[in-house]
Amino acid sequence: MTAAPFLPYGRQSIDESDVRAVVEALGAEALTTGPGVPAFEAQFADAVGARHAVVSNSGTAALHLPLLALGIGPGDLALVASVSFIATANAARFCGADVVFADVDPASGLVTPDTLRAAVERAGRAPRVVLPVHLNGWVADPAGVAELARGWDAAVVEDACHAVGGRYDNHSVGACAHADFTAFSLHPVKTVTMGEGGVTTTSDEALAEGMRRARNHGMTRDPARFVSPEQAFGADGAPNPWYYEMQDLGFNYRATDVACALGGSQLRRLDGFVARRRQLQARYDAALADLAPHVRPVAAQPGQSPALHLYAVRIAFAGLGIPRAAAMEALRARGVGTQVHYMPIYRQPYYEGLYGRQRLPGAEAYYDSILSLPFFPAMQDEDVDRVVGALRAVLGI
């Protein structure tokens, strides 16, 4: 009898249309900084209802670029969700800003207006930027966050690296209905992928241009933006054909035309990806009902239609008398891969060295109980049943 295939917690979905798009891009004249980049940006902006989209080479870059465009720097304070991948906080540190971590709701892992206010009170000063995280694909109260940020005169950069394709209160995630920027990751395990890549959306044309300049070494080739006319223009007033200006210290965060071709092909499949993820979510929700209260899905948020990146559950490991690591190993032995998303960022040695030991109750409770189960479009309904059956056996419930 053939063993059932191993189910990782996430996996990309690549089909022949994606392969054809990449092969076509490889045959084009420009492999990078060509027409495929703005074409993909326009496609992405249309997909999420944004005015402007700026593509970069990673989700980390997609978080860093808006902070550069805002001029965040030393002496500034960034208010960051405590439960996220480290890139959310690191983007602020790249700029030299200080970070204060906000606690989260233990049932959802999301920041709330109350936890944000408490973090600012703890810091003793107002932030210049707030970075809420749309964890697992659920959205962290954009209207409530925006209202607080306005009171602090702070910008909002949504970390939506888990949330492409989602909707809340009749808004698409990424349309920047409440935020100044929304950052996405297009890593392979995300809903759509570029291989590696990121996109930042905004409604502000000047800030979009600032991000485009920052992703390319702080350079511009636009004669209308040149600030050194004696170098830029010849005696006839025409721009010198070789000329470009570095006006700021930027980075090489460019995305290639090849990666954008894959991203564009994946975006054309977005509706199908979202539909399948919602079917799998519903299947898990129903199958796990019998395992309550020992196992519960992360708390759903009202008014939202998410496109979940992760299917995360909260498990009462202590009450069941089984360490999480032992449960993960036992599940792996049954062909079920799992992961923990995430250890609170403030627990990382770098941040403990910088700010001292911290423990926030909501983040600790979420971290102690959380486990991400296999969740990707190629899964069959029977795979969900298999995962839940393995979970029941390993936990003894």
Protein backbone atom coordinates (compact mmCIF):
# COMPACT_ATOMS: atom_id res chain seq x y z
CA MET A 1 0.00 0.00 0.00
CA THR A 2 1.41 3.40 -0.99
CA ALA A 3 1.98 5.78 1.91
CA ALA A 4 -0.02 8.99 1.85
CA PRO A 5 2.05 11.96 0.68
CA PHE A 6 3.52 14.31 3.25
CA LEU A 7 1.43 17.44 3.76
CA PRO A 8 3.51 20.56 4.53
CA TYR A 9 1.86 23.51 6.26
CA GLY A 10 1.98 25.44 2.98
CA ARG A 11 3.00 24.96 -0.64
CA GLN A 12 2.97 27.00 -3.84
CA SER A 13 0.64 26.12 -6.71
CA ILE A 14 2.38 26.28 -10.10
CA ASP A 15 0.62 25.17 -13.28
CA GLU A 16 1.37 25.24 -17.01
CA SER A 17 0.09 28.79 -17.40
CA ASP A 18 2.68 29.96 -14.86
CA VAL A 19 5.43 28.05 -16.63
CA ARG A 20 4.44 29.53 -20.01
CA ALA A 21 4.45 33.06 -18.56
CA VAL A 22 7.96 32.62 -17.16
CA VAL A 23 9.30 31.04 -20.35
CA GLU A 24 7.84 33.91 -22.38
CA ALA A 25 9.49 36.43 -20.04
CA LEU A 26 12.83 34.65 -20.40
CA GLY A 27 12.60 35.16 -24.15
CA ALA A 28 11.98 38.91 -23.84
CA GLU A 29 14.65 41.51 -24.42
CA ALA A 30 14.62 42.77 -20.81
CA LEU A 31 14.89 40.31 -17.94
CA THR A 32 14.79 43.11 -15.36
CA THR A 33 13.73 46.79 -15.17
CA GLY A 34 11.73 46.22 -18.35
CA PRO A 35 8.06 46.69 -19.27
CA GLY A 36 6.95 43.65 -17.29
CA VAL A 37 7.47 45.51 -14.00
CA PRO A 38 5.02 48.41 -14.50
CA ALA A 39 2.61 46.03 -16.24
CA PHE A 40 2.53 43.81 -13.15
CA GLU A 41 2.16 46.82 -10.86
CA ALA A 42 -0.88 47.97 -12.80
CA GLN A 43 -2.34 44.45 -12.71
CA PHE A 44 -1.81 44.16 -8.95
CA ALA A 45 -3.30 47.60 -8.27
CA ASP A 46 -6.37 46.63 -10.27
CA ALA A 47 -6.67 43.29 -8.44
CA VAL A 48 -6.79 44.91 -4.99
CA GLY A 49 -8.47 48.20 -5.92
CA ALA A 50 -5.42 50.37 -5.20
CA ARG A 51 -4.40 53.58 -6.94
CA HIS A 52 -0.71 52.72 -6.96
CA ALA A 53 1.28 49.50 -6.49
CA VAL A 54 5.07 49.28 -6.17
CA VAL A 55 6.67 45.88 -6.64
CA SER A 56 9.89 44.86 -4.89
CA ASN A 57 12.00 41.77 -4.38
CA SER A 58 10.55 40.62 -1.02
CA GLY A 59 7.84 41.21 1.53
CA THR A 60 10.54 42.68 3.78
CA ALA A 61 11.36 45.28 1.13
CA ALA A 62 7.64 45.95 0.74
CA LEU A 63 7.56 46.90 4.44
CA HIS A 64 10.82 48.89 4.39
CA LEU A 65 10.05 51.01 1.31
CA PRO A 66 7.04 52.88 2.77
CA LEU A 67 9.03 53.74 5.89
CA LEU A 68 11.77 55.15 3.67
CA ALA A 69 9.19 57.14 1.70
CA LEU A 70 7.81 58.54 4.97
CA GLY A 71 11.29 59.57 6.10
CA ILE A 72 11.17 57.43 9.25
CA GLY A 73 14.50 57.67 11.05
CA PRO A 74 16.39 57.81 14.35
CA GLY A 75 14.35 59.26 17.17
CA ASP A 76 11.06 58.13 15.63
CA LEU A 77 8.87 55.51 17.26
CA ALA A 78 7.23 52.64 15.37
CA LEU A 79 4.28 50.86 16.96
CA VAL A 80 4.46 47.20 15.88
CA ALA A 81 2.29 44.13 16.44
CA SER A 82 4.12 41.76 18.76
CA VAL A 83 3.01 38.59 16.93
CA SER A 84 4.37 38.57 13.39
CA PHE A 85 7.38 37.57 11.38
CA ILE A 86 10.45 39.54 12.44
CA ALA A 87 10.44 41.62 9.23
CA THR A 88 7.61 43.82 10.50
CA ALA A 89 9.76 45.21 13.30
CA ASN A 90 13.04 44.96 11.40
CA ALA A 91 11.78 47.33 8.70
CA ALA A 92 11.54 50.08 11.33
CA ARG A 93 14.95 49.23 12.76
CA PHE A 94 16.50 49.41 9.29
CA CYS A 95 15.50 53.08 9.38
CA GLY A 96 16.97 53.60 12.85
CA ALA A 97 13.57 53.99 14.51
CA ASP A 98 12.74 52.60 17.94
CA VAL A 99 10.07 49.94 18.24
CA VAL A 100 7.37 49.50 20.84
CA PHE A 101 5.47 46.23 20.67
CA ALA A 102 1.69 46.12 21.03
CA ASP A 103 0.00 43.16 22.67
CA VAL A 104 -2.59 41.12 20.77
CA ASP A 105 -5.95 39.50 21.37
CA PRO A 106 -5.08 35.98 22.56
CA ALA A 107 -7.91 34.43 20.54
CA SER A 108 -6.94 35.98 17.20
CA GLY A 109 -3.35 37.17 17.47
CA LEU A 110 -4.44 40.59 16.18
CA VAL A 111 -3.71 44.00 17.65
CA THR A 112 -6.72 45.98 18.84
CA PRO A 113 -7.23 49.68 19.55
CA ASP A 114 -6.93 48.88 23.26
CA THR A 115 -3.61 47.05 22.91
CA LEU A 116 -2.24 49.83 20.69
CA ARG A 117 -3.23 52.51 23.21
CA ALA A 118 -1.64 50.52 26.03
CA ALA A 119 1.63 50.22 24.10
CA VAL A 120 1.78 53.96 23.48
CA GLU A 121 1.09 54.65 27.16
CA ARG A 122 3.91 52.27 28.03
CA ALA A 123 6.25 54.03 25.59
CA GLY A 124 5.35 57.45 26.95
CA ARG A 125 5.30 59.10 23.55
CA ALA A 126 3.36 58.96 20.29
CA PRO A 127 4.50 56.88 17.33
CA ARG A 128 5.25 58.26 13.88
CA VAL A 129 4.09 55.04 12.24
CA VAL A 130 1.80 52.16 13.20
CA LEU A 131 2.34 48.69 11.70
CA PRO A 132 -0.67 46.43 12.37
CA VAL A 133 -0.46 42.86 11.10
CA HIS A 134 -3.29 41.07 9.29
CA LEU A 135 -2.31 37.75 10.82
CA ASN A 136 -3.18 34.46 9.07
CA GLY A 137 -5.37 36.49 6.68
CA TRP A 138 -7.70 38.02 9.28
CA VAL A 139 -7.66 41.81 9.30
CA ALA A 140 -6.75 43.93 12.34
CA ASP A 141 -9.55 46.57 12.58
CA PRO A 142 -8.30 49.01 9.91
CA ALA A 143 -10.82 51.73 10.79
CA GLY A 144 -10.04 51.57 14.50
CA VAL A 145 -6.29 51.57 13.91
CA ALA A 146 -6.57 54.52 11.50
CA GLU A 147 -8.61 56.57 13.95
CA LEU A 148 -5.98 56.11 16.65
CA ALA A 149 -3.15 56.87 14.23
CA ARG A 150 -4.76 60.14 13.17
CA GLY A 151 -4.90 61.19 16.81
CA TRP A 152 -1.17 60.54 17.11
CA ASP A 153 -0.41 62.17 13.73
CA ALA A 154 1.06 58.82 12.69
CA ALA A 155 1.04 57.01 9.37
CA VAL A 156 -0.38 53.48 9.04
CA VAL A 157 1.55 50.77 7.18
CA GLU A 158 -0.55 47.60 7.14
CA ASP A 159 1.41 44.36 7.07
CA ALA A 160 -0.91 42.34 4.84
CA CYS A 161 1.71 39.75 3.90
CA HIS A 162 -0.86 37.07 4.84
CA ALA A 163 -3.94 38.73 3.38
CA VAL A 164 -3.90 39.19 -0.40
CA GLY A 165 -7.36 38.50 -1.83
CA GLY A 166 -9.19 39.24 1.41
CA ARG A 167 -12.07 41.65 2.02
CA TYR A 168 -13.47 43.42 5.06
CA ASP A 169 -16.45 45.78 5.44
CA ASN A 170 -16.84 45.90 1.62
CA HIS A 171 -13.18 46.92 1.15
CA SER A 172 -10.43 44.92 -0.51
CA VAL A 173 -7.29 44.43 1.52
CA GLY A 174 -4.72 46.64 -0.20
CA ALA A 175 -7.11 49.34 -1.41
CA CYS A 176 -5.79 51.54 1.43
CA ALA A 177 -9.30 52.54 2.46
CA HIS A 178 -7.92 53.38 5.90
CA ALA A 179 -4.14 52.97 5.66
CA ASP A 180 -1.39 55.05 4.06
CA PHE A 181 0.27 51.88 2.76
CA THR A 182 -0.43 48.16 2.59
CA ALA A 183 2.47 45.72 2.21
CA PHE A 184 2.18 42.22 0.72
CA SER A 185 4.51 39.25 0.45
CA LEU A 186 4.57 37.02 -2.63
CA HIS A 187 6.74 34.31 -1.10
CA PRO A 188 6.09 30.74 -2.34
CA VAL A 189 3.84 29.70 0.54
CA LYS A 190 1.64 32.80 0.20
CA THR A 191 -1.63 32.85 -1.75
CA VAL A 192 0.12 34.07 -4.90
CA THR A 193 3.85 33.96 -5.51
CA MET A 194 6.61 35.60 -7.53
CA GLY A 195 9.16 33.09 -6.22
CA GLU A 196 10.30 35.86 -3.92
CA GLY A 197 8.68 39.28 -4.06
CA GLY A 198 6.61 41.94 -2.41
CA VAL A 199 4.17 44.70 -3.34
CA THR A 200 3.26 47.90 -1.51
CA THR A 201 0.07 49.79 -2.34
CA THR A 202 -0.79 53.41 -1.60
CA SER A 203 -3.21 56.12 -2.67
CA ASP A 204 -0.48 58.79 -2.71
CA GLU A 205 1.33 59.27 -6.03
CA ALA A 206 4.27 61.13 -4.48
CA LEU A 207 4.82 58.40 -1.90
CA ALA A 208 4.61 55.73 -4.62
CA GLU A 209 7.28 57.58 -6.60
CA GLY A 210 9.40 57.81 -3.45
CA MET A 211 9.20 54.05 -3.01
CA ARG A 212 10.14 53.43 -6.65
CA ARG A 213 13.18 55.66 -6.26
CA ALA A 214 14.18 54.02 -2.98
CA ARG A 215 14.00 50.50 -4.47
CA ASN A 216 16.51 51.54 -7.17
CA HIS A 217 19.40 53.05 -5.20
CA GLY A 218 17.61 56.39 -4.73
CA MET A 219 18.00 57.06 -8.45
CA THR A 220 15.83 58.78 -11.03
CA ARG A 221 16.14 59.13 -14.80
CA ASP A 222 13.16 61.47 -15.09
CA PRO A 223 14.37 64.88 -16.41
CA ALA A 224 11.42 66.58 -14.74
CA ARG A 225 12.81 65.50 -11.36
CA PHE A 226 16.48 66.39 -11.90
CA VAL A 227 17.91 68.80 -9.33
CA SER A 228 21.36 69.37 -10.88
CA PRO A 229 20.63 71.03 -14.24
CA GLU A 230 24.25 71.91 -15.00
CA GLN A 231 25.02 68.19 -15.12
CA ALA A 232 21.70 66.96 -16.42
CA PHE A 233 21.29 69.05 -19.56
CA GLY A 234 23.41 69.94 -22.56
CA ALA A 235 23.83 73.40 -24.07
CA ASP A 236 20.76 72.81 -26.23
CA GLY A 237 18.64 72.16 -23.13
CA ALA A 238 18.16 68.48 -23.92
CA PRO A 239 18.84 65.97 -21.15
CA ASN A 240 22.16 64.18 -21.49
CA PRO A 241 21.31 60.62 -22.62
CA TRP A 242 23.59 58.93 -20.08
CA TYR A 243 22.48 60.95 -17.11
CA TYR A 244 20.74 59.82 -13.93
CA GLU A 245 20.65 61.24 -10.44
CA MET A 246 20.97 59.58 -7.05
CA GLN A 247 18.95 61.93 -4.89
CA ASP A 248 18.66 59.77 -1.77
CA LEU A 249 20.41 56.76 -0.29
CA GLY A 250 18.37 53.87 -1.62
CA PHE A 251 18.56 50.11 -1.98
CA ASN A 252 18.52 47.49 -4.68
CA TYR A 253 15.04 46.17 -4.03
CA ARG A 254 14.13 45.77 -7.71
CA ALA A 255 11.97 42.88 -8.88
CA THR A 256 12.78 41.20 -12.19
CA ASP A 257 10.51 40.99 -15.22
CA VAL A 258 10.72 37.21 -14.89
CA ALA A 259 9.41 37.29 -11.31
CA CYS A 260 6.72 39.77 -12.34
CA ALA A 261 5.64 37.44 -15.14
CA LEU A 262 5.12 34.66 -12.62
CA GLY A 263 3.33 37.07 -10.29
CA GLY A 264 1.05 38.23 -13.08
CA SER A 265 0.16 34.68 -14.05
CA GLN A 266 -0.55 33.85 -10.41
CA LEU A 267 -2.77 36.93 -10.05
CA ARG A 268 -4.90 35.68 -12.93
CA ARG A 269 -5.52 32.59 -10.79
CA LEU A 270 -6.24 34.56 -7.60
CA ASP A 271 -10.02 34.07 -7.64
CA GLY A 272 -9.58 30.31 -7.90
CA PHE A 273 -6.98 30.27 -5.12
CA VAL A 274 -9.26 32.27 -2.83
CA ALA A 275 -12.29 30.10 -3.56
CA ARG A 276 -10.37 26.89 -2.81
CA ARG A 277 -8.87 28.30 0.39
CA ARG A 278 -12.35 29.24 1.58
CA GLN A 279 -13.61 25.73 0.84
CA LEU A 280 -10.72 24.22 2.81
CA GLN A 281 -11.32 26.68 5.64
CA ALA A 282 -14.98 25.62 5.85
CA ARG A 283 -14.00 21.95 5.77
CA TYR A 284 -11.54 22.43 8.64
CA ASP A 285 -14.05 24.48 10.64
CA ALA A 286 -16.63 21.69 10.39
CA ALA A 287 -14.18 18.84 11.00
CA LEU A 288 -12.64 20.48 14.08
CA ALA A 289 -15.96 21.21 15.78
CA ASP A 290 -15.85 17.89 17.64
CA LEU A 291 -12.40 18.65 19.05
CA ALA A 292 -13.53 21.74 20.99
CA PRO A 293 -12.67 22.98 23.55
CA HIS A 294 -9.25 21.32 23.27
CA VAL A 295 -8.72 22.57 19.71
CA ARG A 296 -10.23 25.76 18.31
CA PRO A 297 -9.62 27.67 15.08
CA VAL A 298 -8.20 31.17 15.49
CA ALA A 299 -11.08 33.51 16.23
CA ALA A 300 -12.96 34.69 13.14
CA GLN A 301 -13.43 38.43 12.74
CA PRO A 302 -16.88 39.91 12.02
CA GLY A 303 -17.55 41.53 8.66
CA GLN A 304 -14.60 39.83 6.97
CA SER A 305 -14.24 37.50 3.99
CA PRO A 306 -10.61 36.45 4.34
CA ALA A 307 -8.38 34.62 1.93
CA LEU A 308 -6.50 32.81 4.66
CA HIS A 309 -2.78 32.27 4.17
CA LEU A 310 -2.58 29.98 7.20
CA TYR A 311 -5.11 27.76 8.91
CA ALA A 312 -4.08 28.19 12.54
CA VAL A 313 -5.62 26.52 15.55
CA ARG A 314 -5.28 27.10 19.28
CA ILE A 315 -4.58 23.90 21.21
CA ALA A 316 -4.70 23.43 24.98
CA PHE A 317 -1.34 21.64 25.08
CA ALA A 318 -0.87 22.06 28.83
CA GLY A 319 -4.38 20.84 29.64
CA LEU A 320 -3.92 17.81 27.41
CA GLY A 321 -0.55 17.04 28.96
CA ILE A 322 1.39 16.97 25.69
CA PRO A 323 4.20 19.38 24.80
CA ARG A 324 3.72 21.16 21.49
CA ALA A 325 7.09 19.95 20.15
CA ALA A 326 6.12 16.34 20.87
CA ALA A 327 2.78 16.82 19.15
CA MET A 328 4.47 18.31 16.09
CA GLU A 329 6.92 15.40 15.87
CA ALA A 330 4.10 12.86 16.23
CA LEU A 331 2.10 14.60 13.50
CA ARG A 332 5.16 14.67 11.23
CA ALA A 333 5.53 10.91 11.73
CA ARG A 334 1.98 10.62 10.39
CA GLY A 335 2.82 12.72 7.34
CA VAL A 336 1.37 15.99 8.64
CA GLY A 337 3.61 19.06 8.67
CA THR A 338 2.87 21.91 11.05
CA GLN A 339 4.50 25.18 12.09
CA VAL A 340 4.25 27.88 14.76
CA HIS A 341 3.37 31.39 13.53
CA TYR A 342 4.84 33.13 15.49
CA MET A 343 7.04 33.49 18.53
CA PRO A 344 6.49 37.07 19.75
CA ILE A 345 9.10 39.30 18.15
CA TYR A 346 10.14 40.81 21.48
CA ARG A 347 11.43 37.36 22.53
CA GLN A 348 14.11 37.41 19.81
CA PRO A 349 17.63 37.86 21.27
CA TYR A 350 18.23 41.01 19.22
CA TYR A 351 15.16 42.74 20.63
CA GLU A 352 15.76 41.47 24.17
CA GLY A 353 19.26 42.91 23.93
CA LEU A 354 17.85 46.20 22.70
CA TYR A 355 14.81 46.65 24.96
CA GLY A 356 15.14 44.05 27.72
CA ARG A 357 12.95 41.07 28.53
CA GLN A 358 9.27 41.61 27.81
CA ARG A 359 6.22 39.40 28.22
CA LEU A 360 2.83 40.62 26.98
CA PRO A 361 -0.08 38.45 28.22
CA GLY A 362 -2.13 38.26 25.03
CA ALA A 363 0.89 37.49 22.87
CA GLU A 364 2.14 34.86 25.31
CA ALA A 365 -1.24 33.12 25.48
CA TYR A 366 -1.53 33.11 21.69
CA TYR A 367 2.03 31.85 21.23
CA ASP A 368 1.64 29.08 23.81
CA SER A 369 -1.39 27.60 22.04
CA ILE A 370 -0.92 28.23 18.32
CA LEU A 371 -0.24 25.69 15.57
CA SER A 372 -0.56 26.08 11.78
CA LEU A 373 -2.03 23.05 9.98
CA PRO A 374 -1.52 22.09 6.32
CA PHE A 375 -3.36 24.58 4.11
CA PHE A 376 -2.82 25.06 0.39
CA PRO A 377 -5.05 24.90 -2.72
CA ALA A 378 -3.83 21.53 -4.01
CA MET A 379 -5.10 19.79 -0.87
CA GLN A 380 -8.07 17.49 -1.29
CA ASP A 381 -11.03 17.43 1.08
CA GLU A 382 -9.81 14.03 2.26
CA ASP A 383 -6.48 15.60 3.23
CA VAL A 384 -8.28 17.86 5.69
CA ASP A 385 -10.01 14.84 7.19
CA ARG A 386 -6.66 13.07 7.41
CA VAL A 387 -5.05 16.02 9.22
CA VAL A 388 -7.89 16.25 11.72
CA GLY A 389 -7.83 12.51 12.29
CA ALA A 390 -4.06 12.64 12.94
CA LEU A 391 -4.56 15.56 15.31
CA ARG A 392 -7.25 13.67 17.23
CA ALA A 393 -5.02 10.59 17.56
CA VAL A 394 -1.90 12.50 18.61
CA LEU A 395 -3.73 14.61 21.18
CA GLY A 396 -5.73 11.66 22.46
CA ILE A 397 -9.15 13.31 22.13
